[in-house]
């Protein structure tokens, strides 16, 4: 199972893309909803992560396994660094696999340099990112994020008299950035 660690409050308070440009795209000219717009943008980033099959911006992820595999361990695309590889040994003690015992190959695969230790409840913490920061998000993806935030804005209520329009055609903006597994 792959789990994204929750944003810290400091991260959540910072928009994933330029807030002024997002507000301009949304035609919002006041600061009253800045926190709400930030949350819409982060929700849109999570939607983009799922649609792209990769982490758009630097985030901490954890891959959880019942036990180590027989060889290589597949993570997700664009892994920047491995934070820690932990497991529970036969005596029930939480252990850390030393970094010199594994190698990251091609920003996606973790290979043991020796065999993996015997144990269970394996947790591999890592940082992954397709874009180094919000300034490097490609224009097509940034525009897609703005449209998604705009959709949240126009459908604030669960029940609304406003028609709901799907944005399927806009998903084509993401096509060149999707990670297609083999």
N, C-alpha and C. Protein backbone atom coordinates (compact mmCIF):
# COMPACT_ATOMS: atom_id res chain seq x y z
N UNK A 1 0.85 -1.17 0.00
CA UNK A 1 0.00 0.00 0.00
C UNK A 1 0.89 1.24 0.00
N UNK A 2 0.49 2.22 -0.79
CA UNK A 2 1.22 3.48 -0.90
C UNK A 2 0.41 4.56 -0.21
N UNK A 3 1.04 5.26 0.74
CA UNK A 3 0.34 6.27 1.54
C UNK A 3 1.08 7.59 1.45
N UNK A 4 0.34 8.66 1.19
CA UNK A 4 0.93 10.00 1.20
C UNK A 4 0.81 10.52 2.63
N UNK A 5 1.91 11.01 3.16
CA UNK A 5 1.87 11.59 4.50
C UNK A 5 1.06 12.89 4.44
N UNK A 6 0.27 13.18 5.46
CA UNK A 6 -0.52 14.42 5.44
C UNK A 6 0.38 15.66 5.41
N UNK A 7 -0.16 16.73 4.84
CA UNK A 7 0.56 17.99 4.84
C UNK A 7 0.70 18.51 6.26
N UNK A 8 1.81 19.15 6.56
CA UNK A 8 1.92 19.85 7.83
C UNK A 8 1.07 21.11 7.71
N UNK A 9 0.74 21.75 8.81
CA UNK A 9 -0.06 22.97 8.76
C UNK A 9 0.67 24.04 7.97
N UNK A 10 1.98 24.10 8.13
CA UNK A 10 2.79 25.09 7.39
C UNK A 10 2.68 24.85 5.88
N UNK A 11 2.76 23.58 5.46
CA UNK A 11 2.63 23.26 4.04
C UNK A 11 1.22 23.59 3.53
N UNK A 12 0.22 23.23 4.31
CA UNK A 12 -1.18 23.45 3.90
C UNK A 12 -1.49 24.93 3.75
N UNK A 13 -0.81 25.78 4.50
CA UNK A 13 -1.05 27.22 4.42
C UNK A 13 -0.40 27.86 3.20
N UNK A 14 0.52 27.14 2.55
CA UNK A 14 1.19 27.65 1.36
C UNK A 14 0.55 27.04 0.12
N UNK A 15 0.10 27.86 -0.81
CA UNK A 15 -0.54 27.29 -2.01
C UNK A 15 0.48 26.52 -2.86
N UNK A 16 0.03 25.44 -3.51
CA UNK A 16 0.94 24.65 -4.33
C UNK A 16 1.32 25.34 -5.63
N UNK A 17 0.55 26.32 -6.05
CA UNK A 17 0.87 27.17 -7.21
C UNK A 17 0.58 28.61 -6.79
N UNK A 18 0.98 29.57 -7.60
CA UNK A 18 0.85 30.97 -7.27
C UNK A 18 -0.60 31.35 -6.95
N UNK A 19 -0.84 31.81 -5.73
CA UNK A 19 -2.19 32.13 -5.27
C UNK A 19 -2.78 33.32 -6.05
N UNK A 20 -1.98 34.32 -6.31
CA UNK A 20 -2.49 35.49 -7.04
C UNK A 20 -2.96 35.10 -8.44
N UNK A 21 -2.19 34.24 -9.11
CA UNK A 21 -2.58 33.79 -10.45
C UNK A 21 -3.81 32.89 -10.39
N UNK A 22 -3.90 32.08 -9.35
CA UNK A 22 -5.08 31.23 -9.19
C UNK A 22 -6.32 32.09 -8.98
N UNK A 23 -6.20 33.11 -8.13
CA UNK A 23 -7.33 34.01 -7.89
C UNK A 23 -7.72 34.76 -9.15
N UNK A 24 -6.73 35.13 -9.93
CA UNK A 24 -7.01 35.80 -11.21
C UNK A 24 -7.77 34.85 -12.14
N UNK A 25 -7.33 33.60 -12.21
CA UNK A 25 -8.01 32.61 -13.06
C UNK A 25 -9.43 32.34 -12.56
N UNK A 26 -9.62 32.40 -11.23
CA UNK A 26 -10.94 32.15 -10.64
C UNK A 26 -11.81 33.41 -10.61
N UNK A 27 -11.22 34.55 -11.00
CA UNK A 27 -11.93 35.84 -10.97
C UNK A 27 -12.40 36.18 -9.55
N UNK A 28 -11.51 35.93 -8.59
CA UNK A 28 -11.77 36.28 -7.19
C UNK A 28 -10.86 37.44 -6.85
N UNK A 29 -11.45 38.55 -6.40
CA UNK A 29 -10.69 39.78 -6.21
C UNK A 29 -10.60 40.22 -4.74
N UNK A 30 -10.80 39.31 -3.83
CA UNK A 30 -10.68 39.63 -2.40
C UNK A 30 -9.85 38.55 -1.73
N UNK A 31 -9.45 38.81 -0.49
CA UNK A 31 -8.59 37.87 0.24
C UNK A 31 -9.36 37.00 1.22
N UNK A 32 -10.66 37.17 1.31
CA UNK A 32 -11.46 36.46 2.32
C UNK A 32 -11.36 34.94 2.19
N UNK A 33 -11.23 34.44 0.97
CA UNK A 33 -11.24 32.99 0.74
C UNK A 33 -9.87 32.40 0.45
N UNK A 34 -8.80 33.11 0.78
CA UNK A 34 -7.46 32.61 0.45
C UNK A 34 -7.19 31.23 1.03
N UNK A 35 -7.56 31.01 2.28
CA UNK A 35 -7.35 29.69 2.90
C UNK A 35 -8.15 28.61 2.19
N UNK A 36 -9.37 28.93 1.83
CA UNK A 36 -10.23 27.99 1.12
C UNK A 36 -9.67 27.68 -0.27
N UNK A 37 -9.21 28.71 -0.96
CA UNK A 37 -8.62 28.51 -2.29
C UNK A 37 -7.37 27.64 -2.18
N UNK A 38 -6.56 27.87 -1.15
CA UNK A 38 -5.38 27.02 -0.91
C UNK A 38 -5.79 25.56 -0.77
N UNK A 39 -6.84 25.31 0.00
CA UNK A 39 -7.27 23.92 0.21
C UNK A 39 -7.81 23.33 -1.10
N UNK A 40 -8.49 24.14 -1.92
CA UNK A 40 -8.95 23.65 -3.23
C UNK A 40 -7.77 23.29 -4.11
N UNK A 41 -6.74 24.13 -4.09
CA UNK A 41 -5.57 23.87 -4.92
C UNK A 41 -4.85 22.60 -4.47
N UNK A 42 -4.75 22.39 -3.14
CA UNK A 42 -4.11 21.16 -2.65
C UNK A 42 -4.96 19.94 -3.01
N UNK A 43 -6.28 20.08 -2.95
CA UNK A 43 -7.15 18.97 -3.36
C UNK A 43 -6.95 18.68 -4.85
N UNK A 44 -6.80 19.72 -5.65
CA UNK A 44 -6.56 19.54 -7.08
C UNK A 44 -5.21 18.87 -7.32
N UNK A 45 -4.20 19.19 -6.51
CA UNK A 45 -2.90 18.53 -6.63
C UNK A 45 -3.04 17.03 -6.34
N UNK A 46 -3.82 16.69 -5.32
CA UNK A 46 -4.04 15.26 -5.02
C UNK A 46 -4.76 14.56 -6.17
N UNK A 47 -5.72 15.26 -6.79
CA UNK A 47 -6.39 14.70 -7.96
C UNK A 47 -5.40 14.51 -9.10
N UNK A 48 -4.50 15.48 -9.29
CA UNK A 48 -3.49 15.38 -10.34
C UNK A 48 -2.54 14.22 -10.06
N UNK A 49 -2.13 14.05 -8.79
CA UNK A 49 -1.27 12.92 -8.43
C UNK A 49 -1.90 11.61 -8.87
N UNK A 50 -3.19 11.45 -8.58
CA UNK A 50 -3.89 10.21 -8.93
C UNK A 50 -4.01 10.07 -10.45
N UNK A 51 -4.34 11.16 -11.13
CA UNK A 51 -4.51 11.09 -12.59
C UNK A 51 -3.19 10.86 -13.31
N UNK A 52 -2.11 11.42 -12.78
CA UNK A 52 -0.80 11.30 -13.42
C UNK A 52 -0.07 10.02 -13.04
N UNK A 53 -0.43 9.43 -11.92
CA UNK A 53 0.30 8.25 -11.46
C UNK A 53 1.66 8.60 -10.90
N UNK A 54 1.80 9.82 -10.41
CA UNK A 54 3.07 10.30 -9.85
C UNK A 54 2.78 11.46 -8.91
N UNK A 55 3.76 11.81 -8.10
CA UNK A 55 3.63 12.92 -7.17
C UNK A 55 4.04 14.20 -7.89
N UNK A 56 3.11 15.13 -8.04
CA UNK A 56 3.38 16.35 -8.78
C UNK A 56 4.45 17.20 -8.09
N UNK A 57 4.29 17.43 -6.80
CA UNK A 57 5.22 18.27 -6.03
C UNK A 57 5.89 17.43 -4.95
N UNK A 58 7.03 17.90 -4.41
CA UNK A 58 7.73 17.12 -3.39
C UNK A 58 6.83 16.80 -2.20
N UNK A 59 6.66 15.53 -1.94
CA UNK A 59 5.84 15.06 -0.82
C UNK A 59 6.48 13.82 -0.23
N UNK A 60 6.19 13.61 1.03
CA UNK A 60 6.68 12.42 1.73
C UNK A 60 5.65 11.31 1.55
N UNK A 61 6.10 10.17 1.07
CA UNK A 61 5.25 8.99 0.86
C UNK A 61 5.79 7.83 1.67
N UNK A 62 4.93 6.87 1.97
CA UNK A 62 5.36 5.66 2.65
C UNK A 62 4.77 4.47 1.91
N UNK A 63 5.64 3.55 1.52
CA UNK A 63 5.20 2.29 0.91
C UNK A 63 5.19 1.26 2.03
N UNK A 64 4.03 0.65 2.28
CA UNK A 64 3.87 -0.33 3.35
C UNK A 64 3.69 -1.71 2.74
N UNK A 65 4.43 -2.68 3.27
CA UNK A 65 4.36 -4.06 2.79
C UNK A 65 4.27 -5.00 3.99
N UNK A 66 3.66 -6.14 3.80
CA UNK A 66 3.61 -7.13 4.88
C UNK A 66 5.01 -7.67 5.17
N UNK A 67 5.81 -7.86 4.11
CA UNK A 67 7.17 -8.39 4.26
C UNK A 67 8.00 -7.88 3.09
N UNK A 68 9.31 -8.03 3.19
CA UNK A 68 10.18 -7.64 2.08
C UNK A 68 9.95 -8.58 0.90
N UNK A 69 10.06 -8.07 -0.33
CA UNK A 69 9.96 -8.94 -1.50
C UNK A 69 11.23 -9.78 -1.63
N UNK A 70 11.23 -10.69 -2.57
CA UNK A 70 12.41 -11.53 -2.79
C UNK A 70 13.57 -10.77 -3.40
N UNK A 71 13.33 -9.63 -3.99
CA UNK A 71 14.39 -8.86 -4.63
C UNK A 71 14.08 -7.38 -4.59
N UNK A 72 13.99 -6.80 -5.79
CA UNK A 72 13.75 -5.36 -5.89
C UNK A 72 12.37 -4.96 -5.36
N UNK A 73 12.32 -3.74 -4.86
CA UNK A 73 11.09 -3.19 -4.31
C UNK A 73 10.67 -2.00 -5.18
N UNK A 74 9.48 -2.07 -5.76
CA UNK A 74 8.99 -1.02 -6.63
C UNK A 74 8.34 0.08 -5.79
N UNK A 75 8.78 1.32 -6.02
CA UNK A 75 8.20 2.45 -5.31
C UNK A 75 7.24 3.17 -6.27
N UNK A 76 7.41 4.44 -6.48
CA UNK A 76 6.62 5.19 -7.46
C UNK A 76 7.59 5.99 -8.30
N UNK A 77 7.15 6.58 -9.40
CA UNK A 77 8.08 7.35 -10.24
C UNK A 77 8.60 8.59 -9.52
N UNK A 78 9.73 9.06 -9.98
CA UNK A 78 10.30 10.35 -9.57
C UNK A 78 10.72 10.41 -8.10
N UNK A 79 11.20 9.29 -7.56
CA UNK A 79 11.68 9.30 -6.18
C UNK A 79 12.97 10.12 -6.13
N UNK A 80 12.98 11.11 -5.26
CA UNK A 80 14.14 11.98 -5.11
C UNK A 80 15.11 11.44 -4.06
N UNK A 81 14.55 10.88 -3.00
CA UNK A 81 15.40 10.32 -1.94
C UNK A 81 14.61 9.33 -1.11
N UNK A 82 15.33 8.41 -0.52
CA UNK A 82 14.74 7.46 0.41
C UNK A 82 15.03 7.99 1.81
N UNK A 83 13.97 8.17 2.59
CA UNK A 83 14.11 8.71 3.94
C UNK A 83 14.53 7.61 4.91
N UNK A 84 13.83 6.49 4.85
CA UNK A 84 14.15 5.38 5.75
C UNK A 84 13.45 4.11 5.28
N UNK A 85 14.10 2.98 5.54
CA UNK A 85 13.49 1.67 5.33
C UNK A 85 13.44 1.00 6.70
N UNK A 86 12.23 0.75 7.18
CA UNK A 86 12.03 0.19 8.53
C UNK A 86 11.22 -1.09 8.44
N UNK A 87 11.38 -1.93 9.45
CA UNK A 87 10.62 -3.18 9.53
C UNK A 87 10.61 -3.67 10.97
N UNK A 88 9.76 -4.63 11.24
CA UNK A 88 9.72 -5.27 12.56
C UNK A 88 10.43 -6.60 12.44
N UNK A 89 11.45 -6.82 13.28
CA UNK A 89 12.21 -8.07 13.19
C UNK A 89 11.48 -9.21 13.90
N UNK A 90 12.08 -10.39 13.90
CA UNK A 90 11.45 -11.59 14.49
C UNK A 90 11.16 -11.45 15.97
N UNK A 91 11.90 -10.57 16.64
CA UNK A 91 11.70 -10.36 18.08
C UNK A 91 10.69 -9.25 18.37
N UNK A 92 10.08 -8.70 17.31
CA UNK A 92 9.09 -7.65 17.48
C UNK A 92 9.67 -6.27 17.68
N UNK A 93 10.95 -6.09 17.33
CA UNK A 93 11.63 -4.82 17.52
C UNK A 93 11.68 -4.06 16.19
N UNK A 94 11.35 -2.77 16.24
CA UNK A 94 11.41 -1.93 15.05
C UNK A 94 12.87 -1.72 14.67
N UNK A 95 13.20 -2.00 13.41
CA UNK A 95 14.58 -1.91 12.95
C UNK A 95 14.68 -0.98 11.75
N UNK A 96 15.84 -0.38 11.58
CA UNK A 96 16.15 0.48 10.44
C UNK A 96 17.16 -0.24 9.55
N UNK A 97 16.86 -0.34 8.25
CA UNK A 97 17.83 -0.91 7.31
C UNK A 97 18.83 0.19 6.98
N UNK A 98 20.12 -0.04 7.20
CA UNK A 98 21.12 0.99 6.90
C UNK A 98 21.09 1.37 5.41
N UNK A 99 21.20 2.67 5.11
CA UNK A 99 21.16 3.11 3.71
C UNK A 99 22.21 2.45 2.81
N UNK A 100 23.32 2.04 3.39
CA UNK A 100 24.36 1.40 2.56
C UNK A 100 23.96 -0.02 2.14
N UNK A 101 22.82 -0.52 2.62
CA UNK A 101 22.37 -1.86 2.26
C UNK A 101 21.39 -1.89 1.09
N UNK A 102 21.07 -0.72 0.52
CA UNK A 102 20.17 -0.69 -0.63
C UNK A 102 20.55 0.47 -1.54
N UNK A 103 20.03 0.42 -2.76
CA UNK A 103 20.34 1.45 -3.74
C UNK A 103 19.06 1.80 -4.50
N UNK A 104 18.88 3.08 -4.80
CA UNK A 104 17.75 3.55 -5.59
C UNK A 104 18.16 3.52 -7.06
N UNK A 105 17.38 2.82 -7.87
CA UNK A 105 17.68 2.67 -9.29
C UNK A 105 16.60 3.38 -10.10
N UNK A 106 17.01 4.27 -10.97
CA UNK A 106 16.10 4.92 -11.89
C UNK A 106 14.95 5.68 -11.24
N UNK A 107 15.17 6.22 -10.08
CA UNK A 107 14.17 7.01 -9.35
C UNK A 107 12.86 6.26 -9.14
N UNK A 108 12.92 4.93 -9.07
CA UNK A 108 11.68 4.18 -8.88
C UNK A 108 11.86 2.86 -8.14
N UNK A 109 12.99 2.24 -8.27
CA UNK A 109 13.19 0.89 -7.76
C UNK A 109 14.24 0.89 -6.65
N UNK A 110 13.92 0.22 -5.56
CA UNK A 110 14.86 0.06 -4.46
C UNK A 110 15.42 -1.36 -4.53
N UNK A 111 16.72 -1.44 -4.67
CA UNK A 111 17.36 -2.75 -4.81
C UNK A 111 18.24 -3.01 -3.60
N UNK A 112 18.09 -4.21 -3.01
CA UNK A 112 18.98 -4.54 -1.88
C UNK A 112 20.38 -4.84 -2.40
N UNK A 113 21.39 -4.35 -1.72
CA UNK A 113 22.76 -4.66 -2.11
C UNK A 113 23.19 -5.99 -1.50
N UNK A 114 22.49 -6.40 -0.46
CA UNK A 114 22.57 -7.73 0.12
C UNK A 114 21.13 -8.23 0.06
N UNK A 115 20.79 -9.27 0.73
CA UNK A 115 19.38 -9.67 0.76
C UNK A 115 18.66 -8.83 1.81
N UNK A 116 17.35 -8.66 1.61
CA UNK A 116 16.56 -7.93 2.60
C UNK A 116 16.53 -8.74 3.89
N UNK A 117 16.47 -8.09 5.04
CA UNK A 117 16.40 -8.82 6.30
C UNK A 117 15.06 -9.53 6.47
N UNK A 118 15.03 -10.51 7.37
CA UNK A 118 13.77 -11.20 7.68
C UNK A 118 12.98 -10.31 8.63
N UNK A 119 11.73 -10.13 8.31
CA UNK A 119 10.89 -9.30 9.15
C UNK A 119 9.55 -9.04 8.49
N UNK A 120 8.73 -8.27 9.16
CA UNK A 120 7.41 -7.95 8.64
C UNK A 120 7.11 -6.46 8.88
N UNK A 121 5.93 -6.02 8.47
CA UNK A 121 5.52 -4.61 8.63
C UNK A 121 6.58 -3.66 8.08
N UNK A 122 6.91 -3.86 6.82
CA UNK A 122 7.93 -3.05 6.15
C UNK A 122 7.35 -1.68 5.80
N UNK A 123 8.13 -0.63 6.08
CA UNK A 123 7.74 0.73 5.73
C UNK A 123 8.92 1.41 5.05
N UNK A 124 8.69 1.89 3.84
CA UNK A 124 9.73 2.59 3.11
C UNK A 124 9.27 4.04 2.95
N UNK A 125 9.94 4.95 3.62
CA UNK A 125 9.63 6.37 3.51
C UNK A 125 10.49 7.00 2.43
N UNK A 126 9.88 7.81 1.58
CA UNK A 126 10.64 8.45 0.51
C UNK A 126 9.98 9.76 0.09
N UNK A 127 10.77 10.59 -0.57
CA UNK A 127 10.30 11.85 -1.14
C UNK A 127 10.23 11.66 -2.65
N UNK A 128 9.08 12.00 -3.23
CA UNK A 128 8.93 11.90 -4.68
C UNK A 128 8.38 13.21 -5.21
N UNK A 129 8.81 13.57 -6.43
CA UNK A 129 8.31 14.80 -7.05
C UNK A 129 8.60 14.79 -8.54
N UNK A 130 7.57 15.08 -9.32
CA UNK A 130 7.73 15.29 -10.76
C UNK A 130 8.29 16.69 -11.01
N UNK A 131 7.83 17.66 -10.24
CA UNK A 131 8.29 19.05 -10.34
C UNK A 131 9.02 19.41 -9.05
N UNK A 132 10.13 20.11 -9.19
CA UNK A 132 10.94 20.46 -8.02
C UNK A 132 10.22 21.41 -7.07
N UNK A 133 9.37 22.29 -7.62
CA UNK A 133 8.65 23.27 -6.80
C UNK A 133 7.47 23.80 -7.60
N UNK A 134 6.69 24.65 -6.99
CA UNK A 134 5.48 25.15 -7.66
C UNK A 134 5.80 25.97 -8.91
N UNK A 135 6.96 26.62 -8.93
CA UNK A 135 7.33 27.43 -10.10
C UNK A 135 7.63 26.57 -11.31
N UNK A 136 7.97 25.30 -11.10
CA UNK A 136 8.32 24.43 -12.23
C UNK A 136 7.17 23.55 -12.71
N UNK A 137 5.96 23.78 -12.18
CA UNK A 137 4.79 23.03 -12.65
C UNK A 137 4.50 23.48 -14.09
N UNK A 138 4.42 22.53 -15.04
CA UNK A 138 4.14 22.91 -16.44
C UNK A 138 2.81 23.66 -16.57
N UNK A 139 2.75 24.56 -17.53
CA UNK A 139 1.57 25.42 -17.72
C UNK A 139 0.28 24.61 -17.88
N UNK A 140 0.32 23.53 -18.64
CA UNK A 140 -0.89 22.73 -18.84
C UNK A 140 -1.42 22.18 -17.53
N UNK A 141 -0.53 21.68 -16.68
CA UNK A 141 -0.95 21.14 -15.38
C UNK A 141 -1.45 22.28 -14.49
N UNK A 142 -0.73 23.41 -14.49
CA UNK A 142 -1.13 24.55 -13.67
C UNK A 142 -2.55 25.00 -14.07
N UNK A 143 -2.81 25.09 -15.37
CA UNK A 143 -4.15 25.49 -15.82
C UNK A 143 -5.20 24.46 -15.42
N UNK A 144 -4.85 23.21 -15.46
CA UNK A 144 -5.75 22.15 -15.02
C UNK A 144 -6.08 22.31 -13.53
N UNK A 145 -5.06 22.65 -12.73
CA UNK A 145 -5.28 22.87 -11.30
C UNK A 145 -6.23 24.04 -11.07
N UNK A 146 -6.06 25.12 -11.84
CA UNK A 146 -6.94 26.28 -11.72
C UNK A 146 -8.39 25.90 -12.05
N UNK A 147 -8.57 25.11 -13.11
CA UNK A 147 -9.93 24.71 -13.49
C UNK A 147 -10.55 23.84 -12.40
N UNK A 148 -9.77 22.94 -11.83
CA UNK A 148 -10.30 22.10 -10.76
C UNK A 148 -10.69 22.95 -9.55
N UNK A 149 -9.84 23.92 -9.20
CA UNK A 149 -10.17 24.82 -8.08
C UNK A 149 -11.42 25.61 -8.42
N UNK A 150 -11.57 26.03 -9.66
CA UNK A 150 -12.77 26.74 -10.09
C UNK A 150 -14.01 25.88 -9.99
N UNK A 151 -13.86 24.59 -10.25
CA UNK A 151 -14.98 23.65 -10.11
C UNK A 151 -15.40 23.57 -8.65
N UNK A 152 -14.43 23.53 -7.75
CA UNK A 152 -14.77 23.53 -6.32
C UNK A 152 -15.50 24.82 -5.95
N UNK A 153 -15.06 25.94 -6.53
CA UNK A 153 -15.67 27.23 -6.24
C UNK A 153 -17.12 27.27 -6.70
N UNK A 154 -17.40 26.77 -7.89
CA UNK A 154 -18.77 26.85 -8.42
C UNK A 154 -19.69 25.80 -7.83
N UNK A 155 -19.14 24.79 -7.19
CA UNK A 155 -19.97 23.73 -6.59
C UNK A 155 -19.70 23.64 -5.09
N UNK A 156 -19.71 24.77 -4.40
CA UNK A 156 -19.42 24.79 -2.96
C UNK A 156 -20.44 24.01 -2.15
N UNK A 157 -21.65 23.97 -2.60
CA UNK A 157 -22.71 23.29 -1.87
C UNK A 157 -22.89 21.88 -2.41
N UNK A 158 -23.23 20.95 -1.52
CA UNK A 158 -23.50 19.59 -1.96
C UNK A 158 -24.72 19.58 -2.87
N UNK A 159 -25.72 20.34 -2.50
CA UNK A 159 -26.92 20.46 -3.32
C UNK A 159 -26.92 21.89 -3.87
N UNK A 160 -27.00 22.00 -5.17
CA UNK A 160 -26.92 23.31 -5.79
C UNK A 160 -27.89 23.38 -6.95
N UNK A 161 -28.34 24.60 -7.24
CA UNK A 161 -29.19 24.78 -8.41
C UNK A 161 -28.35 25.03 -9.65
N UNK A 162 -27.02 25.10 -9.48
CA UNK A 162 -26.13 25.31 -10.61
C UNK A 162 -25.85 23.97 -11.28
N UNK A 163 -25.82 23.93 -12.60
CA UNK A 163 -25.51 22.68 -13.29
C UNK A 163 -24.04 22.31 -13.06
N UNK A 164 -23.78 21.03 -13.00
CA UNK A 164 -22.42 20.54 -12.82
C UNK A 164 -21.89 20.09 -14.17
N UNK A 165 -20.74 20.62 -14.56
CA UNK A 165 -20.16 20.28 -15.85
C UNK A 165 -18.89 19.47 -15.60
N UNK A 166 -18.74 18.40 -16.31
CA UNK A 166 -17.51 17.63 -16.20
C UNK A 166 -16.43 18.31 -17.03
N UNK A 167 -15.21 18.07 -16.65
CA UNK A 167 -14.08 18.70 -17.33
C UNK A 167 -13.21 17.64 -17.99
N UNK A 168 -13.82 16.58 -18.48
CA UNK A 168 -13.07 15.48 -19.06
C UNK A 168 -12.12 15.94 -20.16
N UNK A 169 -12.58 16.84 -21.01
CA UNK A 169 -11.74 17.31 -22.11
C UNK A 169 -10.50 18.01 -21.59
N UNK A 170 -10.59 18.63 -20.42
CA UNK A 170 -9.43 19.31 -19.84
C UNK A 170 -8.37 18.33 -19.34
N UNK A 171 -8.78 17.10 -19.07
CA UNK A 171 -7.82 16.10 -18.61
C UNK A 171 -6.75 15.84 -19.66
N UNK A 172 -7.02 16.20 -20.91
CA UNK A 172 -6.01 16.06 -21.97
C UNK A 172 -4.79 16.93 -21.66
N UNK A 173 -4.94 17.97 -20.84
CA UNK A 173 -3.80 18.80 -20.44
C UNK A 173 -2.76 18.00 -19.67
N UNK A 174 -3.19 16.90 -19.06
CA UNK A 174 -2.29 16.07 -18.25
C UNK A 174 -1.61 14.97 -19.05
N UNK A 175 -2.13 14.66 -20.24
CA UNK A 175 -1.69 13.48 -20.98
C UNK A 175 -0.19 13.36 -21.17
N UNK A 176 0.48 14.42 -21.52
CA UNK A 176 1.93 14.35 -21.76
C UNK A 176 2.76 14.17 -20.50
N UNK A 177 2.11 14.20 -19.34
CA UNK A 177 2.85 14.12 -18.07
C UNK A 177 2.51 12.86 -17.28
N UNK A 178 1.60 12.05 -17.81
CA UNK A 178 1.20 10.82 -17.10
C UNK A 178 2.33 9.82 -17.09
N UNK A 179 2.43 9.09 -15.99
CA UNK A 179 3.40 8.01 -15.92
C UNK A 179 2.67 6.73 -16.28
N UNK A 180 3.05 6.14 -17.36
CA UNK A 180 2.44 4.89 -17.80
C UNK A 180 3.37 3.75 -17.40
N UNK A 181 2.88 2.88 -16.54
CA UNK A 181 3.71 1.76 -16.12
C UNK A 181 3.76 0.71 -17.23
N UNK A 182 4.82 -0.04 -17.24
CA UNK A 182 4.99 -1.06 -18.27
C UNK A 182 4.23 -2.32 -17.94
